Amino acid sequence: MSDLTIRPMTAADADAVLAIYQAGLHGGDASFEHTAPDWAAFDASKLPAHRLVAVDDAGVVLGWVAVSPVSGRAVYAGVVEHSVYVDPAERGCGVGRALLDALIDSTERAGIWTIQSGIFPENTASLALHRAAGFRTVGVRERVGRHRAQDNRWRDVVFIERRSPLID
């Protein structure tokens, strides 16, 4: 892998970000969604201060991470749900870990105390990546939703979180 830089995501990254997102969705174990949103919907749903991309030395986007608020209630202001997606050709090369580490730094500096997500249990690589980055399994939501892209079958979701040790 080339040198890796983590930087803020911009609208100029839209095509690459959405292509990587769609590639992850095609794999069937990344999300209940089967089609990536358009840029306007993506942009509107993610917190601008915590959207990052990993780029190589030529500026090619290799992966991205972003967060959404879990609630509009003030008591949950420090809790976000994240997504991290890596170009299939770059998986296993440290891109995901670099993105998660940068996200953790970004959110902790902003006073966010919990990052959470749901991962299909079959996505063992993502679960291992998150464990290595300090996330813990909170529980498994059994048959929480039907996956339309996979014959409408029921799917379990492993609920994970990382609680910041820096924020009381």
Protein backbone atom coordinates (compact mmCIF):
# COMPACT_ATOMS: atom_id res chain seq x y z
CA MET A 1 0.00 0.00 0.00
CA SER A 2 1.13 3.53 -0.75
CA ASP A 3 1.50 6.20 1.88
CA LEU A 4 -1.83 6.81 3.54
CA THR A 5 -3.28 10.19 4.52
CA ILE A 6 -6.48 10.74 6.49
CA ARG A 7 -8.22 14.01 5.69
CA PRO A 8 -11.69 15.57 5.94
CA MET A 9 -14.20 14.33 3.36
CA THR A 10 -15.37 16.97 0.87
CA ALA A 11 -18.02 17.11 -1.83
CA ALA A 12 -15.22 16.50 -4.35
CA ASP A 13 -14.91 13.00 -2.84
CA ALA A 14 -18.58 12.18 -3.48
CA ASP A 15 -18.15 9.86 -6.46
CA ALA A 16 -15.36 7.84 -4.85
CA VAL A 17 -17.08 7.67 -1.45
CA LEU A 18 -20.37 6.50 -2.94
CA ALA A 19 -18.62 3.97 -5.22
CA ILE A 20 -16.82 2.45 -2.20
CA TYR A 21 -20.10 2.46 -0.29
CA GLN A 22 -21.86 0.66 -3.15
CA ALA A 23 -19.05 -1.91 -3.43
CA GLY A 24 -19.52 -2.68 0.27
CA LEU A 25 -23.26 -3.05 -0.19
CA HIS A 26 -22.73 -5.46 -3.10
CA GLY A 27 -20.89 -7.80 -0.73
CA GLY A 28 -24.13 -8.37 1.19
CA ASP A 29 -22.69 -8.19 4.71
CA ALA A 30 -22.27 -4.45 5.21
CA SER A 31 -25.80 -3.11 5.59
CA PHE A 32 -29.49 -3.79 5.17
CA GLU A 33 -29.37 -1.21 2.38
CA HIS A 34 -28.67 -2.42 -1.13
CA THR A 35 -28.16 0.91 -2.90
CA ALA A 36 -25.96 3.77 -1.76
CA PRO A 37 -27.80 7.09 -1.40
CA ASP A 38 -27.12 10.05 -3.63
CA TRP A 39 -24.64 12.62 -2.36
CA ALA A 40 -27.32 15.03 -1.11
CA ALA A 41 -28.88 12.37 1.12
CA PHE A 42 -25.49 11.11 2.31
CA ASP A 43 -24.30 14.64 3.05
CA ALA A 44 -27.47 15.53 4.95
CA SER A 45 -27.28 12.45 7.18
CA LYS A 46 -23.65 12.71 8.35
CA LEU A 47 -22.09 15.11 10.84
CA PRO A 48 -19.69 17.31 8.84
CA ALA A 49 -17.00 17.47 11.54
CA HIS A 50 -16.54 13.70 11.60
CA ARG A 51 -16.41 12.64 7.94
CA LEU A 52 -12.99 11.45 6.90
CA VAL A 53 -11.39 9.77 3.91
CA ALA A 54 -8.19 7.79 3.54
CA VAL A 55 -6.25 8.68 0.40
CA ASP A 56 -3.08 7.32 -1.13
CA ASP A 57 -0.14 9.46 -2.25
CA ALA A 58 -1.90 10.08 -5.60
CA GLY A 59 -5.02 11.36 -3.83
CA VAL A 60 -7.14 8.29 -4.62
CA VAL A 61 -9.80 7.65 -2.00
CA LEU A 62 -9.26 4.21 -0.42
CA GLY A 63 -11.96 4.34 2.25
CA TRP A 64 -14.12 6.54 4.39
CA VAL A 65 -15.66 6.86 7.84
CA ALA A 66 -18.55 9.04 8.94
CA VAL A 67 -20.97 9.43 11.83
CA SER A 68 -24.64 10.26 12.30
CA PRO A 69 -26.30 11.42 15.48
CA VAL A 70 -28.33 8.69 17.19
CA SER A 71 -30.91 11.13 18.54
CA GLY A 72 -31.86 14.78 18.59
CA ARG A 73 -32.31 14.63 22.38
CA ALA A 74 -29.70 16.60 24.32
CA VAL A 75 -28.90 13.65 26.62
CA TYR A 76 -27.56 11.74 23.61
CA ALA A 77 -25.49 14.60 22.18
CA GLY A 78 -22.31 12.63 22.82
CA VAL A 79 -23.45 9.43 21.12
CA VAL A 80 -22.99 8.77 17.40
CA GLU A 81 -23.42 5.86 15.04
CA HIS A 82 -20.60 5.31 12.60
CA SER A 83 -19.98 3.61 9.29
CA VAL A 84 -16.60 2.69 7.85
CA TYR A 85 -16.10 1.40 4.31
CA VAL A 86 -12.88 0.42 2.55
CA ASP A 87 -12.30 -0.13 -1.17
CA PRO A 88 -12.33 -3.93 -1.68
CA ALA A 89 -8.82 -3.79 -3.21
CA GLU A 90 -7.47 -2.17 -0.03
CA ARG A 91 -9.07 -4.37 2.63
CA GLY A 92 -6.65 -5.90 5.10
CA CYS A 93 -4.04 -3.19 4.45
CA GLY A 94 -4.67 -0.99 7.50
CA VAL A 95 -7.02 1.54 5.89
CA GLY A 96 -9.98 0.70 8.13
CA ARG A 97 -7.88 0.88 11.29
CA ALA A 98 -6.37 4.22 10.27
CA LEU A 99 -9.86 5.59 9.63
CA LEU A 100 -11.22 4.32 12.96
CA ASP A 101 -8.25 5.73 14.87
CA ALA A 102 -8.73 9.13 13.21
CA LEU A 103 -12.47 9.02 13.94
CA ILE A 104 -11.87 8.21 17.59
CA ASP A 105 -9.47 11.15 17.84
CA SER A 106 -11.92 13.48 16.08
CA THR A 107 -14.92 12.50 18.19
CA GLU A 108 -13.05 12.60 21.50
CA ARG A 109 -11.76 16.10 20.75
CA ALA A 110 -15.41 17.10 20.16
CA GLY A 111 -16.63 15.64 23.45
CA ILE A 112 -18.39 12.62 21.95
CA TRP A 113 -18.33 9.84 24.51
CA THR A 114 -19.78 6.86 22.61
CA ILE A 115 -19.37 5.60 19.07
CA GLN A 116 -21.70 2.75 18.21
CA SER A 117 -22.69 0.62 15.25
CA GLY A 118 -24.38 -2.59 14.22
CA ILE A 119 -22.49 -5.25 12.27
CA PHE A 120 -23.76 -8.47 10.75
CA PRO A 121 -22.15 -11.41 12.60
CA GLU A 122 -20.96 -12.82 9.27
CA ASN A 123 -18.76 -9.75 8.80
CA THR A 124 -15.99 -11.21 10.94
CA ALA A 125 -13.30 -8.93 9.49
CA SER A 126 -15.20 -5.81 10.58
CA LEU A 127 -15.88 -7.24 14.03
CA ALA A 128 -12.17 -8.04 14.47
CA LEU A 129 -11.18 -4.57 13.25
CA HIS A 130 -13.52 -2.91 15.73
CA ARG A 131 -12.37 -5.10 18.63
CA ALA A 132 -8.77 -4.13 17.85
CA ALA A 133 -9.80 -0.45 17.90
CA GLY A 134 -11.34 -0.75 21.38
CA PHE A 135 -14.98 -1.47 20.58
CA ARG A 136 -16.89 -4.01 22.63
CA THR A 137 -19.90 -6.13 21.85
CA VAL A 138 -22.95 -4.92 23.74
CA GLY A 139 -25.25 -7.65 22.47
CA VAL A 140 -26.84 -9.31 19.49
CA ARG A 141 -30.15 -8.16 18.13
CA GLU A 142 -31.59 -11.39 16.76
CA ARG A 143 -33.63 -11.31 13.57
CA VAL A 144 -33.81 -7.53 13.85
CA GLY A 145 -34.56 -6.94 10.17
CA ARG A 146 -35.20 -8.54 6.82
CA HIS A 147 -32.53 -8.17 4.19
CA ARG A 148 -34.32 -7.42 0.93
CA ALA A 149 -31.18 -7.85 -1.16
CA GLN A 150 -30.85 -11.42 0.14
CA ASP A 151 -34.25 -12.99 -0.47
CA ASN A 152 -35.85 -11.05 2.38
CA ARG A 153 -34.14 -13.25 4.97
CA TRP A 154 -33.94 -12.32 8.63
CA ARG A 155 -30.56 -11.02 9.81
CA ASP A 156 -28.99 -10.68 13.23
CA VAL A 157 -26.93 -7.60 14.08
CA VAL A 158 -24.07 -7.44 16.59
CA PHE A 159 -24.38 -4.15 18.45
CA ILE A 160 -20.95 -2.66 19.27
CA GLU A 161 -19.76 0.46 21.01
CA ARG A 162 -16.65 2.28 22.08
CA ARG A 163 -16.93 4.41 25.16
CA SER A 164 -14.23 7.08 25.43
CA PRO A 165 -12.04 6.71 28.51
CA LEU A 166 -11.21 10.42 28.24
CA ILE A 167 -14.72 11.80 28.74
CA ASP A 168 -16.38 11.53 32.15
